[in-house]
Protein backbone atom coordinates (compact mmCIF):
# COMPACT_ATOMS: atom_id res chain seq x y z
CA MET A 1 -72.46 1.91 -41.80
CA THR A 2 -74.86 0.49 -39.21
CA ILE A 3 -74.32 -0.28 -35.53
CA ALA A 4 -74.18 -3.97 -36.43
CA ASP A 5 -71.26 -3.34 -38.79
CA THR A 6 -69.14 -1.64 -36.07
CA GLN A 7 -69.84 -4.26 -33.40
CA PRO A 8 -67.20 -6.81 -34.61
CA GLN A 9 -64.53 -4.08 -34.67
CA MET A 10 -65.34 -3.09 -31.09
CA GLN A 11 -65.02 -6.74 -30.03
CA THR A 12 -61.59 -7.22 -31.64
CA ALA A 13 -59.94 -4.35 -29.73
CA PRO A 14 -59.97 -6.08 -26.29
CA GLN A 15 -58.84 -9.30 -27.95
CA THR A 16 -55.84 -7.52 -29.48
CA ALA A 17 -54.91 -5.94 -26.15
CA ARG A 18 -55.16 -9.36 -24.51
CA GLU A 19 -52.86 -10.85 -27.12
CA ILE A 20 -50.33 -8.07 -26.56
CA GLY A 21 -50.43 -8.71 -22.81
CA ASP A 22 -49.96 -12.45 -23.30
CA ALA A 23 -47.04 -11.87 -25.65
CA TRP A 24 -45.44 -9.51 -23.14
CA SER A 25 -45.86 -12.07 -20.34
CA ARG A 26 -44.27 -14.79 -22.46
CA MET A 27 -41.34 -12.52 -23.33
CA VAL A 28 -40.79 -11.60 -19.66
CA ALA A 29 -40.96 -15.25 -18.63
CA ARG A 30 -38.51 -16.22 -21.38
CA ARG A 31 -36.12 -13.45 -20.31
CA ARG A 32 -36.29 -14.54 -16.68
CA LEU A 33 -35.60 -18.12 -17.72
CA TYR A 34 -32.55 -17.09 -19.74
CA THR A 35 -31.31 -14.92 -16.86
CA GLY A 36 -31.72 -17.79 -14.40
CA LEU A 37 -29.90 -20.22 -16.71
CA GLY A 38 -27.09 -17.72 -17.24
CA LEU A 39 -26.65 -17.15 -13.51
CA ALA A 40 -26.71 -20.90 -12.87
CA ILE A 41 -24.01 -21.49 -15.49
CA LEU A 42 -21.88 -18.68 -14.04
CA PHE A 43 -22.29 -20.09 -10.53
CA ILE A 44 -21.31 -23.60 -11.63
CA ALA A 45 -18.29 -22.24 -13.51
CA PHE A 46 -17.25 -20.16 -10.48
CA VAL A 47 -17.54 -23.09 -8.06
CA SER A 48 -15.66 -25.39 -10.44
CA SER A 49 -12.84 -22.90 -10.94
CA VAL A 50 -12.53 -22.26 -7.19
CA ARG A 51 -12.40 -26.00 -6.47
CA PHE A 52 -9.78 -26.48 -9.16
CA ALA A 53 -7.72 -23.60 -7.74
CA ASP A 54 -8.08 -25.03 -4.22
CA GLU A 55 -6.86 -28.45 -5.33
CA SER A 56 -3.95 -26.88 -7.22
CA ASN A 57 -2.97 -24.60 -4.33
CA ALA A 58 -0.54 -26.10 -1.85
CA GLY A 59 -1.99 -23.90 0.90
CA HIS A 60 -5.58 -25.10 0.32
CA PHE A 61 -7.67 -21.96 0.02
CA PHE A 62 -10.76 -23.23 1.83
CA ASP A 63 -8.73 -24.64 4.70
CA ARG A 64 -7.03 -21.28 5.20
CA LEU A 65 -10.18 -19.19 4.66
CA PRO A 66 -10.99 -18.88 8.42
CA HIS A 67 -7.52 -17.33 8.87
CA LEU A 68 -8.02 -14.74 6.11
CA PHE A 69 -7.82 -11.76 8.47
CA ASP A 70 -5.24 -13.15 10.87
CA PHE A 71 -2.61 -10.80 9.50
CA LEU A 72 -4.60 -7.85 10.88
CA SER A 73 -3.91 -9.08 14.40
CA TRP A 74 -0.19 -8.91 13.63
CA LEU A 75 -0.50 -5.24 12.67
CA ILE A 76 -2.44 -4.07 15.73
CA PRO A 77 -0.04 -1.97 17.83
CA LYS A 78 0.66 -3.18 21.35
CA ASP A 79 0.60 0.45 22.47
CA TRP A 80 -1.52 2.85 20.38
CA SER A 81 0.60 5.76 21.59
CA ASP A 82 3.40 4.29 19.47
CA VAL A 83 1.46 5.33 16.35
CA TYR A 84 1.92 8.98 17.32
CA ARG A 85 5.56 8.35 18.25
CA ALA A 86 6.24 6.60 14.93
CA LEU A 87 4.62 9.45 13.02
CA PHE A 88 6.83 12.11 14.64
CA ASP A 89 9.95 10.00 15.37
CA LEU A 90 9.63 10.24 19.15
CA PRO A 91 11.29 7.76 21.53
CA SER A 92 9.14 4.86 22.67
CA PRO A 93 9.33 3.28 26.15
CA ASN A 94 8.67 -0.06 24.46
CA GLY A 95 11.99 0.27 22.67
CA ALA A 96 14.08 1.48 25.61
CA ASN A 97 17.54 -0.04 26.07
CA GLY A 98 17.42 -1.60 22.64
CA VAL A 99 14.35 -3.73 23.40
CA GLY A 100 12.11 -4.21 20.37
CA GLY A 101 14.79 -3.64 17.75
CA GLU A 102 13.69 -2.03 14.49
CA GLU A 103 10.03 -2.04 15.44
CA PHE A 104 10.48 0.80 17.95
CA ASN A 105 13.59 2.63 16.72
CA PHE A 106 11.54 5.69 15.73
CA PRO A 107 14.16 8.42 16.44
CA LEU A 108 16.65 6.82 14.04
CA GLY A 109 14.55 7.93 11.07
CA ARG A 110 14.83 11.65 11.82
CA VAL A 111 16.05 13.83 8.96
CA TYR A 112 17.90 16.72 10.60
CA VAL A 113 17.68 19.99 8.71
CA TRP A 114 19.39 22.45 11.03
CA GLY A 115 20.60 21.96 14.59
CA ASN A 116 17.99 20.05 16.55
CA PHE A 117 15.27 20.80 14.00
CA TYR A 118 14.32 17.70 12.04
CA ILE A 119 11.69 16.42 9.62
CA PRO A 120 10.04 13.14 10.66
CA GLU A 121 11.05 10.28 8.39
CA TYR A 122 7.55 9.51 7.16
CA PHE A 123 6.83 13.13 6.36
CA GLU A 124 9.99 13.25 4.24
CA LEU A 125 8.95 10.08 2.42
CA MET A 126 5.48 11.55 1.83
CA ILE A 127 7.07 14.69 0.40
CA ILE A 128 9.10 12.50 -1.99
CA THR A 129 5.93 10.71 -3.09
CA ILE A 130 4.10 14.01 -3.69
CA ASN A 131 7.11 15.35 -5.60
CA VAL A 132 7.12 12.28 -7.84
CA ALA A 133 3.42 12.79 -8.58
CA LEU A 134 3.82 16.55 -9.11
CA VAL A 135 6.84 16.34 -11.42
CA SER A 136 5.23 13.49 -13.38
CA THR A 137 2.03 15.49 -13.82
CA ILE A 138 3.95 18.56 -15.01
CA ILE A 139 5.92 16.47 -17.52
CA GLY A 140 2.74 14.80 -18.75
CA PHE A 141 0.90 18.11 -19.06
CA VAL A 142 3.71 19.87 -20.95
CA VAL A 143 4.11 17.02 -23.47
CA ALA A 144 0.43 16.09 -23.83
CA LEU A 145 -0.67 19.67 -24.54
CA PRO A 146 0.98 20.02 -27.99
CA LEU A 147 0.35 16.36 -28.84
CA SER A 148 -3.38 16.84 -28.31
CA PHE A 149 -3.56 19.39 -31.13
CA PHE A 150 -1.70 17.06 -33.46
CA ALA A 151 -4.14 14.25 -32.58
CA ALA A 152 -7.38 16.26 -32.80
CA ARG A 153 -9.33 15.71 -36.00
CA ASN A 154 -10.28 19.36 -36.38
CA MET A 155 -6.82 20.85 -35.65
CA SER A 156 -4.27 18.30 -36.88
CA PRO A 157 -2.10 19.60 -39.75
CA SER A 158 -2.43 16.28 -41.63
CA ASN A 159 -4.09 12.90 -41.31
CA PRO A 160 -0.84 10.85 -41.07
CA VAL A 161 0.40 13.09 -38.25
CA ARG A 162 -2.90 12.60 -36.41
CA LEU A 163 -2.80 8.82 -36.72
CA VAL A 164 0.85 8.53 -35.64
CA THR A 165 0.28 10.81 -32.65
CA LYS A 166 -2.75 8.81 -31.53
CA ARG A 167 -0.85 5.53 -31.77
CA ILE A 168 2.01 6.96 -29.69
CA MET A 169 -0.36 8.05 -26.94
CA GLU A 170 -2.15 4.69 -27.01
CA PHE A 171 1.20 2.92 -26.61
CA LEU A 172 2.20 5.12 -23.65
CA ARG A 173 -1.00 4.42 -21.71
CA ALA A 174 -1.18 0.74 -22.68
CA PHE A 175 1.15 -0.38 -19.88
CA PRO A 176 0.43 0.20 -16.16
CA GLU A 177 2.80 2.52 -14.33
CA ILE A 178 4.06 -0.28 -12.11
CA VAL A 179 5.24 -2.28 -15.14
CA ILE A 180 7.12 0.69 -16.59
CA ALA A 181 8.59 1.46 -13.15
CA GLY A 182 9.85 -2.10 -12.81
CA LEU A 183 11.55 -1.84 -16.21
CA PHE A 184 13.26 1.48 -15.46
CA SER A 185 14.21 0.38 -11.94
CA ALA A 186 16.19 -2.44 -13.54
CA ILE A 187 17.85 0.02 -15.94
CA LEU A 188 18.36 3.10 -13.73
CA SER A 189 18.43 1.43 -10.30
CA ILE A 190 15.72 1.91 -7.71
CA GLY A 191 14.67 5.39 -6.69
CA PRO A 192 12.33 8.27 -7.54
CA ILE A 193 13.79 8.83 -11.03
CA ALA A 194 12.38 5.53 -12.31
CA ALA A 195 9.03 6.36 -10.71
CA ILE A 196 8.93 9.82 -12.31
CA ILE A 197 9.64 8.37 -15.76
CA ALA A 198 7.03 5.63 -15.35
CA VAL A 199 4.25 7.87 -14.08
CA GLY A 200 5.20 10.66 -16.50
CA LEU A 201 5.01 8.43 -19.58
CA HIS A 202 1.64 7.03 -18.58
CA THR A 203 0.39 10.54 -17.80
CA ILE A 204 1.34 11.73 -21.30
CA GLY A 205 -0.82 9.03 -22.86
CA ALA A 206 -3.75 9.50 -20.47
CA LEU A 207 -3.84 13.30 -20.57
CA GLY A 208 -3.21 13.34 -24.30
CA LYS A 209 -6.42 11.39 -24.94
CA LEU A 210 -8.47 13.61 -22.63
CA PHE A 211 -6.98 16.75 -24.13
CA TYR A 212 -7.57 15.95 -27.80
CA GLU A 213 -11.18 15.01 -27.06
CA VAL A 214 -11.63 18.48 -25.56
CA VAL A 215 -9.98 20.07 -28.61
CA GLU A 216 -12.30 18.21 -30.97
CA ASN A 217 -15.32 19.85 -29.29
CA ILE A 218 -14.21 23.49 -29.46
CA ASP A 219 -16.02 26.23 -31.36
CA MET A 220 -14.32 26.44 -34.76
CA LYS A 221 -15.49 29.97 -35.61
CA PRO A 222 -12.36 31.66 -34.16
CA ASP A 223 -10.20 29.21 -36.13
CA GLU A 224 -12.10 29.95 -39.34
CA GLY A 225 -11.66 33.68 -38.79
CA MET A 226 -7.92 33.30 -38.27
CA LYS A 227 -7.67 31.14 -41.38
CA ALA A 228 -9.39 33.90 -43.35
CA VAL A 229 -6.73 36.44 -42.36
CA GLY A 230 -3.85 34.08 -43.20
CA ALA A 231 -2.80 32.93 -39.70
CA SER A 232 -0.38 30.03 -39.44
CA TRP A 233 -1.26 26.73 -37.75
CA THR A 234 0.69 27.71 -34.63
CA GLU A 235 -1.12 31.06 -34.41
CA ARG A 236 -4.49 29.37 -34.85
CA VAL A 237 -3.69 27.00 -31.99
CA ARG A 238 -2.28 29.72 -29.75
CA PHE A 239 -4.98 32.36 -30.22
CA GLY A 240 -7.99 30.43 -31.54
CA ALA A 241 -8.07 27.09 -29.71
CA LEU A 242 -5.91 27.31 -26.60
CA PRO A 243 -7.97 29.99 -24.79
CA GLN A 244 -11.06 27.78 -25.15
CA VAL A 245 -9.52 24.58 -23.83
CA MET A 246 -7.09 25.79 -21.16
CA PRO A 247 -9.56 25.70 -18.22
CA ASN A 248 -10.53 22.12 -19.04
CA PHE A 249 -6.89 21.18 -19.56
CA MET A 250 -6.02 22.47 -16.09
CA SER A 251 -8.99 20.65 -14.58
CA TYR A 252 -7.90 17.34 -16.11
CA ALA A 253 -4.29 17.94 -15.03
CA LEU A 254 -5.37 18.45 -11.42
CA LEU A 255 -7.52 15.34 -11.57
CA ARG A 256 -4.52 13.43 -12.90
CA LEU A 257 -2.41 14.76 -10.01
CA GLU A 258 -4.76 13.03 -7.58
CA ILE A 259 -4.38 9.77 -9.49
CA ASN A 260 -0.59 10.13 -9.67
CA VAL A 261 -0.28 10.53 -5.88
CA ARG A 262 -1.85 7.09 -5.47
CA ALA A 263 0.18 5.64 -8.35
CA SER A 264 3.43 6.97 -6.85
CA THR A 265 2.62 5.25 -3.57
CA ILE A 266 2.05 1.91 -5.28
CA ILE A 267 5.19 2.27 -7.40
CA GLY A 268 7.20 2.78 -4.22
CA ALA A 269 6.55 -0.88 -3.42
CA VAL A 270 8.62 -1.94 -6.47
CA GLY A 271 11.57 0.32 -5.75
CA GLY A 272 10.22 3.71 -6.77
CA GLY A 273 11.07 5.32 -3.45
CA GLY A 274 8.78 7.35 -1.29
CA ILE A 275 6.31 6.19 1.30
CA GLY A 276 5.19 3.08 -0.60
CA GLU A 277 8.48 1.29 -0.09
CA GLU A 278 8.46 1.91 3.67
CA LEU A 279 4.82 0.82 3.89
CA LYS A 280 5.62 -2.46 2.15
CA LEU A 281 8.53 -3.15 4.53
CA SER A 282 6.47 -2.34 7.63
CA ILE A 283 3.66 -4.67 6.58
CA SER A 284 6.00 -7.50 5.64
CA ARG A 285 7.81 -7.26 9.01
CA GLY A 286 4.63 -6.95 11.06
CA PHE A 287 5.49 -3.55 12.58
CA GLY A 288 2.02 -2.53 13.74
CA ALA A 289 2.66 1.01 14.96
CA LYS A 290 4.71 1.96 11.91
CA THR A 291 2.14 0.49 9.52
CA VAL A 292 -0.79 2.31 11.14
CA ALA A 293 1.19 5.57 11.17
CA LEU A 294 2.02 5.24 7.46
CA VAL A 295 -1.55 4.39 6.49
CA LEU A 296 -2.88 7.31 8.55
CA LEU A 297 -0.44 9.78 6.98
CA LEU A 298 -1.19 8.47 3.50
CA PHE A 299 -4.94 8.74 4.04
CA ILE A 300 -4.73 12.31 5.35
CA THR A 301 -2.46 13.36 2.47
CA ILE A 302 -4.69 11.88 -0.23
CA VAL A 303 -7.78 13.52 1.26
CA ALA A 304 -5.95 16.86 1.46
CA VAL A 305 -4.74 16.61 -2.16
CA ASP A 306 -8.24 15.65 -3.35
CA GLN A 307 -9.86 18.56 -1.55
CA PHE A 308 -7.27 21.07 -2.72
CA SER A 309 -7.44 19.98 -6.35
CA ALA A 310 -11.26 19.99 -6.27
CA TRP A 311 -11.23 23.54 -4.88
CA LEU A 312 -8.71 24.67 -7.49
CA ARG A 313 -10.71 23.05 -10.32
CA ARG A 314 -13.80 24.93 -9.24
CA ARG A 315 -11.83 28.17 -9.23
CA LEU A 316 -10.49 27.52 -12.74
CA VAL A 317 -13.55 26.06 -14.45
CA GLY A 318 -16.28 27.76 -12.43
CA GLU A 319 -19.04 26.49 -10.19
CA HIS A 320 -21.47 26.21 -13.10
CA ALA A 321 -19.44 23.35 -14.62
CA PHE A 322 -20.22 21.13 -11.62
CA PHE A 323 -23.99 21.39 -11.92
CA LEU A 324 -26.38 20.11 -14.55
CA GLN A 325 -27.55 22.78 -16.91
CA HIS A 326 -31.31 22.82 -17.67
């Protein structure tokens, strides 16, 4: 082969690279065009739907838009010291001689325990909310633990049992806690019992799914060894699988406790008791000091629960589980 024979091949290489570059540019331009058209269609649909909603709304959304945050001015306390007084049920000079009515009747909420020793009303309500979350989490953990082994592909005693168990857990987590709480509040009357049932049922479904996914990823060598010596299904679960999954189970349960504290607060607004109900009443009545005190207590409690559960998870699972392994 001569130099003349290789010359055409050397000339086609740059031409091929140029064609690839042109094709890439056309593809990028086409993609940008499609993206622009898609965004334009979404924007037109959004504007049209908002205009339709505005015309259908008796309050006229756009007319009321400048007043969107007016309600915040209603909740600003006249005296910021009343936030502290509301939190600890101390008398307020703004409510002296009956002036101010329910907005400043802080001492009336005291829960006397012994003699002059009392628990502030909001602290008692927060304890109720935490108890609802704690009891619901315990119920969910106790029920979801055995169900997870029935639902796991590698540990289930039979395929029909696995399918039925999965469908049950899917049904339990299909409905939000607030819907279930509203149903049981109508049946059992308002109070913490309805909230515990609602949050507990949803927790069973949510933890059950997380648990059986953990079970499906265990090392099956201990199970195979126990099968070889004639162990029963219960013994295989107890001694072969449970020691492997228990740290992760506890970690997920603590994570669910954090979620349930928030859920219990929201459920209180529909009659589930606890601090959520009082928060809803304070906001609806425009009691600024009480609302700020409740929000502050709720924020501090949630942060404390999050930090405690994160610390406990690290103690159970180990620090290495929170870092990427290389």
